Amino acid sequence: MITRQPPPPQSMPAPRRPAPPPERQPTGQSLATLVLRFGLVAHGILCWNASLQLWENGDVVRQPISVFLLLGLNVLGFVLMFLAASSRPPRYAIWIL
């Protein structure tokens, strides 16, 4: 009579470990973002200061080009402040500085 052997016991799979919590941003990247924001704010203030100096000392009546320069500096200052206040400043903003 032929007897049947029971199948070999299968090993149980090891229990899975829980996934590690998501890591925070590396310090280097957040420091780079902080430096970028500081540079954007500083250059925005410099643009506004230059436009105020041009308004006070420039001869707006005789030189109409100074009006366009004044408006351009104000717009650039607002754009730089907007980029600094955005939740994620774009990486190309470093080229503005």
N, C-alpha and C. Protein backbone atom coordinates (compact mmCIF):
# COMPACT_ATOMS: atom_id res chain seq x y z
N MET A 1 0.81 -1.15 0.00
CA MET A 1 0.00 0.00 0.00
C MET A 1 0.88 1.26 0.00
N ILE A 2 0.49 2.21 -0.82
CA ILE A 2 1.25 3.44 -0.95
C ILE A 2 0.62 4.47 -0.02
N THR A 3 1.45 5.00 0.79
CA THR A 3 0.94 6.06 1.68
C THR A 3 1.39 7.42 1.16
N ARG A 4 0.56 8.29 1.32
CA ARG A 4 0.83 9.65 0.85
C ARG A 4 1.44 10.48 1.96
N GLN A 5 2.49 11.15 1.59
CA GLN A 5 3.16 12.01 2.58
C GLN A 5 2.43 13.37 2.62
N PRO A 6 2.28 13.93 3.77
CA PRO A 6 1.66 15.26 3.83
C PRO A 6 2.62 16.29 3.22
N PRO A 7 2.06 17.34 2.62
CA PRO A 7 2.94 18.35 2.02
C PRO A 7 3.78 19.04 3.10
N PRO A 8 4.97 19.49 2.72
CA PRO A 8 5.80 20.15 3.74
C PRO A 8 5.13 21.46 4.18
N PRO A 9 5.30 21.79 5.42
CA PRO A 9 4.67 23.03 5.91
C PRO A 9 5.29 24.26 5.23
N GLN A 10 4.43 25.15 4.83
CA GLN A 10 4.90 26.37 4.19
C GLN A 10 5.24 27.38 5.28
N SER A 11 6.31 28.07 5.00
CA SER A 11 6.72 29.06 6.00
C SER A 11 5.77 30.27 5.93
N MET A 12 5.52 30.81 7.06
CA MET A 12 4.65 31.97 7.14
C MET A 12 5.45 33.21 6.72
N PRO A 13 4.82 34.10 5.93
CA PRO A 13 5.56 35.31 5.56
C PRO A 13 5.77 36.20 6.79
N ALA A 14 6.87 36.88 6.78
CA ALA A 14 7.19 37.77 7.90
C ALA A 14 6.18 38.91 7.93
N PRO A 15 5.80 39.32 9.12
CA PRO A 15 4.84 40.44 9.19
C PRO A 15 5.47 41.71 8.61
N ARG A 16 4.65 42.47 7.93
CA ARG A 16 5.14 43.70 7.30
C ARG A 16 5.31 44.78 8.35
N ARG A 17 6.36 45.53 8.15
CA ARG A 17 6.59 46.66 9.03
C ARG A 17 5.74 47.84 8.55
N PRO A 18 5.29 48.67 9.47
CA PRO A 18 4.53 49.85 9.02
C PRO A 18 5.46 50.79 8.26
N ALA A 19 4.87 51.50 7.33
CA ALA A 19 5.65 52.43 6.52
C ALA A 19 6.19 53.55 7.41
N PRO A 20 7.43 53.96 7.17
CA PRO A 20 7.96 55.05 8.00
C PRO A 20 7.22 56.35 7.70
N PRO A 21 7.16 57.23 8.67
CA PRO A 21 6.46 58.51 8.43
C PRO A 21 7.20 59.29 7.36
N PRO A 22 6.47 60.10 6.60
CA PRO A 22 7.14 60.88 5.56
C PRO A 22 8.15 61.83 6.18
N GLU A 23 9.29 61.90 5.53
CA GLU A 23 10.36 62.74 6.07
C GLU A 23 10.09 64.20 5.76
N ARG A 24 10.58 65.03 6.61
CA ARG A 24 10.44 66.47 6.38
C ARG A 24 11.46 66.91 5.35
N GLN A 25 11.29 68.13 4.92
CA GLN A 25 12.21 68.68 3.93
C GLN A 25 13.62 68.70 4.50
N PRO A 26 14.60 68.40 3.68
CA PRO A 26 15.97 68.52 4.19
C PRO A 26 16.29 69.97 4.54
N THR A 27 17.16 70.11 5.50
CA THR A 27 17.49 71.45 5.99
C THR A 27 18.09 72.32 4.89
N GLY A 28 18.89 71.73 4.01
CA GLY A 28 19.51 72.51 2.95
C GLY A 28 18.49 73.14 2.02
N GLN A 29 17.44 72.40 1.69
CA GLN A 29 16.43 72.93 0.78
C GLN A 29 15.62 74.03 1.45
N SER A 30 15.25 73.87 2.70
CA SER A 30 14.48 74.90 3.37
C SER A 30 15.35 76.14 3.62
N LEU A 31 16.63 75.94 3.86
CA LEU A 31 17.53 77.08 4.03
C LEU A 31 17.68 77.83 2.71
N ALA A 32 17.75 77.08 1.61
CA ALA A 32 17.85 77.73 0.30
C ALA A 32 16.58 78.53 0.00
N THR A 33 15.42 77.99 0.37
CA THR A 33 14.17 78.71 0.16
C THR A 33 14.11 79.96 1.02
N LEU A 34 14.61 79.85 2.25
CA LEU A 34 14.63 81.01 3.14
C LEU A 34 15.54 82.11 2.58
N VAL A 35 16.70 81.72 2.09
CA VAL A 35 17.62 82.70 1.51
C VAL A 35 17.01 83.33 0.26
N LEU A 36 16.32 82.51 -0.56
CA LEU A 36 15.66 83.03 -1.75
C LEU A 36 14.58 84.04 -1.39
N ARG A 37 13.77 83.72 -0.39
CA ARG A 37 12.72 84.66 0.05
C ARG A 37 13.32 85.96 0.57
N PHE A 38 14.39 85.84 1.36
CA PHE A 38 15.04 87.04 1.88
C PHE A 38 15.59 87.90 0.75
N GLY A 39 16.19 87.26 -0.24
CA GLY A 39 16.72 88.01 -1.38
C GLY A 39 15.63 88.69 -2.18
N LEU A 40 14.50 88.00 -2.37
CA LEU A 40 13.39 88.61 -3.11
C LEU A 40 12.82 89.82 -2.37
N VAL A 41 12.66 89.68 -1.06
CA VAL A 41 12.14 90.80 -0.27
C VAL A 41 13.13 91.97 -0.30
N ALA A 42 14.41 91.68 -0.13
CA ALA A 42 15.41 92.74 -0.11
C ALA A 42 15.46 93.48 -1.46
N HIS A 43 15.40 92.73 -2.55
CA HIS A 43 15.44 93.39 -3.85
C HIS A 43 14.13 94.14 -4.16
N GLY A 44 13.02 93.64 -3.64
CA GLY A 44 11.77 94.38 -3.78
C GLY A 44 11.82 95.71 -3.05
N ILE A 45 12.39 95.70 -1.85
CA ILE A 45 12.53 96.95 -1.09
C ILE A 45 13.49 97.90 -1.81
N LEU A 46 14.57 97.35 -2.37
CA LEU A 46 15.51 98.20 -3.11
C LEU A 46 14.85 98.83 -4.33
N CYS A 47 13.99 98.08 -5.01
CA CYS A 47 13.29 98.65 -6.18
C CYS A 47 12.36 99.77 -5.75
N TRP A 48 11.64 99.57 -4.64
CA TRP A 48 10.75 100.63 -4.16
C TRP A 48 11.55 101.85 -3.71
N ASN A 49 12.69 101.62 -3.07
CA ASN A 49 13.52 102.73 -2.63
C ASN A 49 14.05 103.50 -3.84
N ALA A 50 14.48 102.78 -4.86
CA ALA A 50 14.97 103.45 -6.07
C ALA A 50 13.86 104.26 -6.74
N SER A 51 12.64 103.71 -6.75
CA SER A 51 11.54 104.46 -7.37
C SER A 51 11.19 105.70 -6.55
N LEU A 52 11.27 105.60 -5.23
CA LEU A 52 11.02 106.78 -4.39
C LEU A 52 12.11 107.83 -4.58
N GLN A 53 13.36 107.40 -4.68
CA GLN A 53 14.45 108.36 -4.93
C GLN A 53 14.28 109.03 -6.28
N LEU A 54 13.85 108.25 -7.27
CA LEU A 54 13.62 108.82 -8.60
C LEU A 54 12.46 109.81 -8.57
N TRP A 55 11.43 109.53 -7.79
CA TRP A 55 10.29 110.43 -7.68
C TRP A 55 10.72 111.75 -7.02
N GLU A 56 11.56 111.65 -5.97
CA GLU A 56 11.97 112.85 -5.26
C GLU A 56 13.01 113.66 -6.04
N ASN A 57 13.97 112.99 -6.63
CA ASN A 57 15.10 113.70 -7.22
C ASN A 57 15.05 113.79 -8.74
N GLY A 58 14.27 112.93 -9.37
CA GLY A 58 14.21 112.95 -10.82
C GLY A 58 13.33 114.08 -11.32
N ASP A 59 13.64 114.59 -12.46
CA ASP A 59 12.85 115.66 -13.04
C ASP A 59 11.79 115.03 -13.94
N VAL A 60 10.67 114.67 -13.31
CA VAL A 60 9.62 113.93 -14.01
C VAL A 60 8.98 114.77 -15.10
N VAL A 61 8.90 116.09 -14.91
CA VAL A 61 8.24 116.95 -15.88
C VAL A 61 9.09 117.10 -17.14
N ARG A 62 10.38 117.25 -16.98
CA ARG A 62 11.24 117.50 -18.14
C ARG A 62 11.73 116.21 -18.81
N GLN A 63 11.81 115.14 -18.06
CA GLN A 63 12.30 113.87 -18.62
C GLN A 63 11.21 112.81 -18.46
N PRO A 64 10.39 112.61 -19.48
CA PRO A 64 9.29 111.65 -19.35
C PRO A 64 9.75 110.20 -19.25
N ILE A 65 10.99 109.91 -19.62
CA ILE A 65 11.47 108.54 -19.49
C ILE A 65 11.55 108.12 -18.02
N SER A 66 11.74 109.10 -17.14
CA SER A 66 11.82 108.78 -15.72
C SER A 66 10.48 108.29 -15.18
N VAL A 67 9.37 108.71 -15.80
CA VAL A 67 8.06 108.22 -15.38
C VAL A 67 7.95 106.72 -15.68
N PHE A 68 8.40 106.32 -16.86
CA PHE A 68 8.34 104.90 -17.22
C PHE A 68 9.29 104.08 -16.35
N LEU A 69 10.44 104.64 -16.05
CA LEU A 69 11.37 103.95 -15.16
C LEU A 69 10.78 103.83 -13.76
N LEU A 70 10.12 104.87 -13.31
CA LEU A 70 9.47 104.86 -12.00
C LEU A 70 8.39 103.77 -11.93
N LEU A 71 7.55 103.72 -12.95
CA LEU A 71 6.50 102.70 -12.97
C LEU A 71 7.08 101.29 -13.09
N GLY A 72 8.13 101.15 -13.89
CA GLY A 72 8.77 99.84 -14.03
C GLY A 72 9.38 99.35 -12.73
N LEU A 73 10.01 100.24 -11.98
CA LEU A 73 10.59 99.85 -10.70
C LEU A 73 9.51 99.47 -9.69
N ASN A 74 8.40 100.21 -9.69
CA ASN A 74 7.30 99.85 -8.78
C ASN A 74 6.71 98.50 -9.12
N VAL A 75 6.50 98.24 -10.40
CA VAL A 75 5.94 96.94 -10.81
C VAL A 75 6.91 95.82 -10.46
N LEU A 76 8.20 96.02 -10.73
CA LEU A 76 9.19 94.99 -10.40
C LEU A 76 9.24 94.73 -8.89
N GLY A 77 9.13 95.80 -8.09
CA GLY A 77 9.10 95.62 -6.64
C GLY A 77 7.89 94.81 -6.18
N PHE A 78 6.71 95.09 -6.77
CA PHE A 78 5.51 94.32 -6.42
C PHE A 78 5.64 92.86 -6.85
N VAL A 79 6.20 92.62 -8.01
CA VAL A 79 6.38 91.24 -8.48
C VAL A 79 7.33 90.48 -7.57
N LEU A 80 8.41 91.11 -7.17
CA LEU A 80 9.36 90.45 -6.27
C LEU A 80 8.72 90.14 -4.92
N MET A 81 7.94 91.07 -4.39
CA MET A 81 7.25 90.81 -3.13
C MET A 81 6.22 89.70 -3.27
N PHE A 82 5.52 89.67 -4.39
CA PHE A 82 4.54 88.60 -4.62
C PHE A 82 5.24 87.25 -4.70
N LEU A 83 6.36 87.18 -5.38
CA LEU A 83 7.10 85.91 -5.47
C LEU A 83 7.62 85.47 -4.11
N ALA A 84 8.04 86.42 -3.29
CA ALA A 84 8.53 86.08 -1.95
C ALA A 84 7.40 85.59 -1.05
N ALA A 85 6.18 86.08 -1.27
CA ALA A 85 5.05 85.70 -0.42
C ALA A 85 4.34 84.45 -0.91
N SER A 86 4.67 83.97 -2.09
CA SER A 86 3.98 82.78 -2.60
C SER A 86 4.37 81.56 -1.77
N SER A 87 3.48 80.56 -1.75
CA SER A 87 3.72 79.39 -0.90
C SER A 87 4.97 78.62 -1.31
N ARG A 88 5.20 78.51 -2.59
CA ARG A 88 6.43 77.89 -3.10
C ARG A 88 7.04 78.82 -4.13
N PRO A 89 8.07 79.53 -3.76
CA PRO A 89 8.68 80.42 -4.75
C PRO A 89 9.26 79.60 -5.90
N PRO A 90 9.03 79.99 -7.11
CA PRO A 90 9.55 79.21 -8.23
C PRO A 90 11.08 79.24 -8.26
N ARG A 91 11.67 78.16 -8.77
CA ARG A 91 13.12 78.05 -8.78
C ARG A 91 13.75 79.07 -9.74
N TYR A 92 13.00 79.48 -10.76
CA TYR A 92 13.56 80.46 -11.70
C TYR A 92 13.68 81.84 -11.06
N ALA A 93 13.08 82.03 -9.89
CA ALA A 93 13.15 83.34 -9.24
C ALA A 93 14.58 83.65 -8.79
N ILE A 94 15.41 82.64 -8.69
CA ILE A 94 16.79 82.88 -8.30
C ILE A 94 17.52 83.65 -9.40
N TRP A 95 17.08 83.51 -10.65
CA TRP A 95 17.71 84.22 -11.75
C TRP A 95 17.33 85.70 -11.74
N ILE A 96 16.24 86.06 -11.10
CA ILE A 96 15.85 87.46 -11.00
C ILE A 96 16.82 88.20 -10.11
N LEU A 97 17.30 87.50 -9.10
CA LEU A 97 18.22 88.15 -8.16
C LEU A 97 19.57 88.31 -8.80
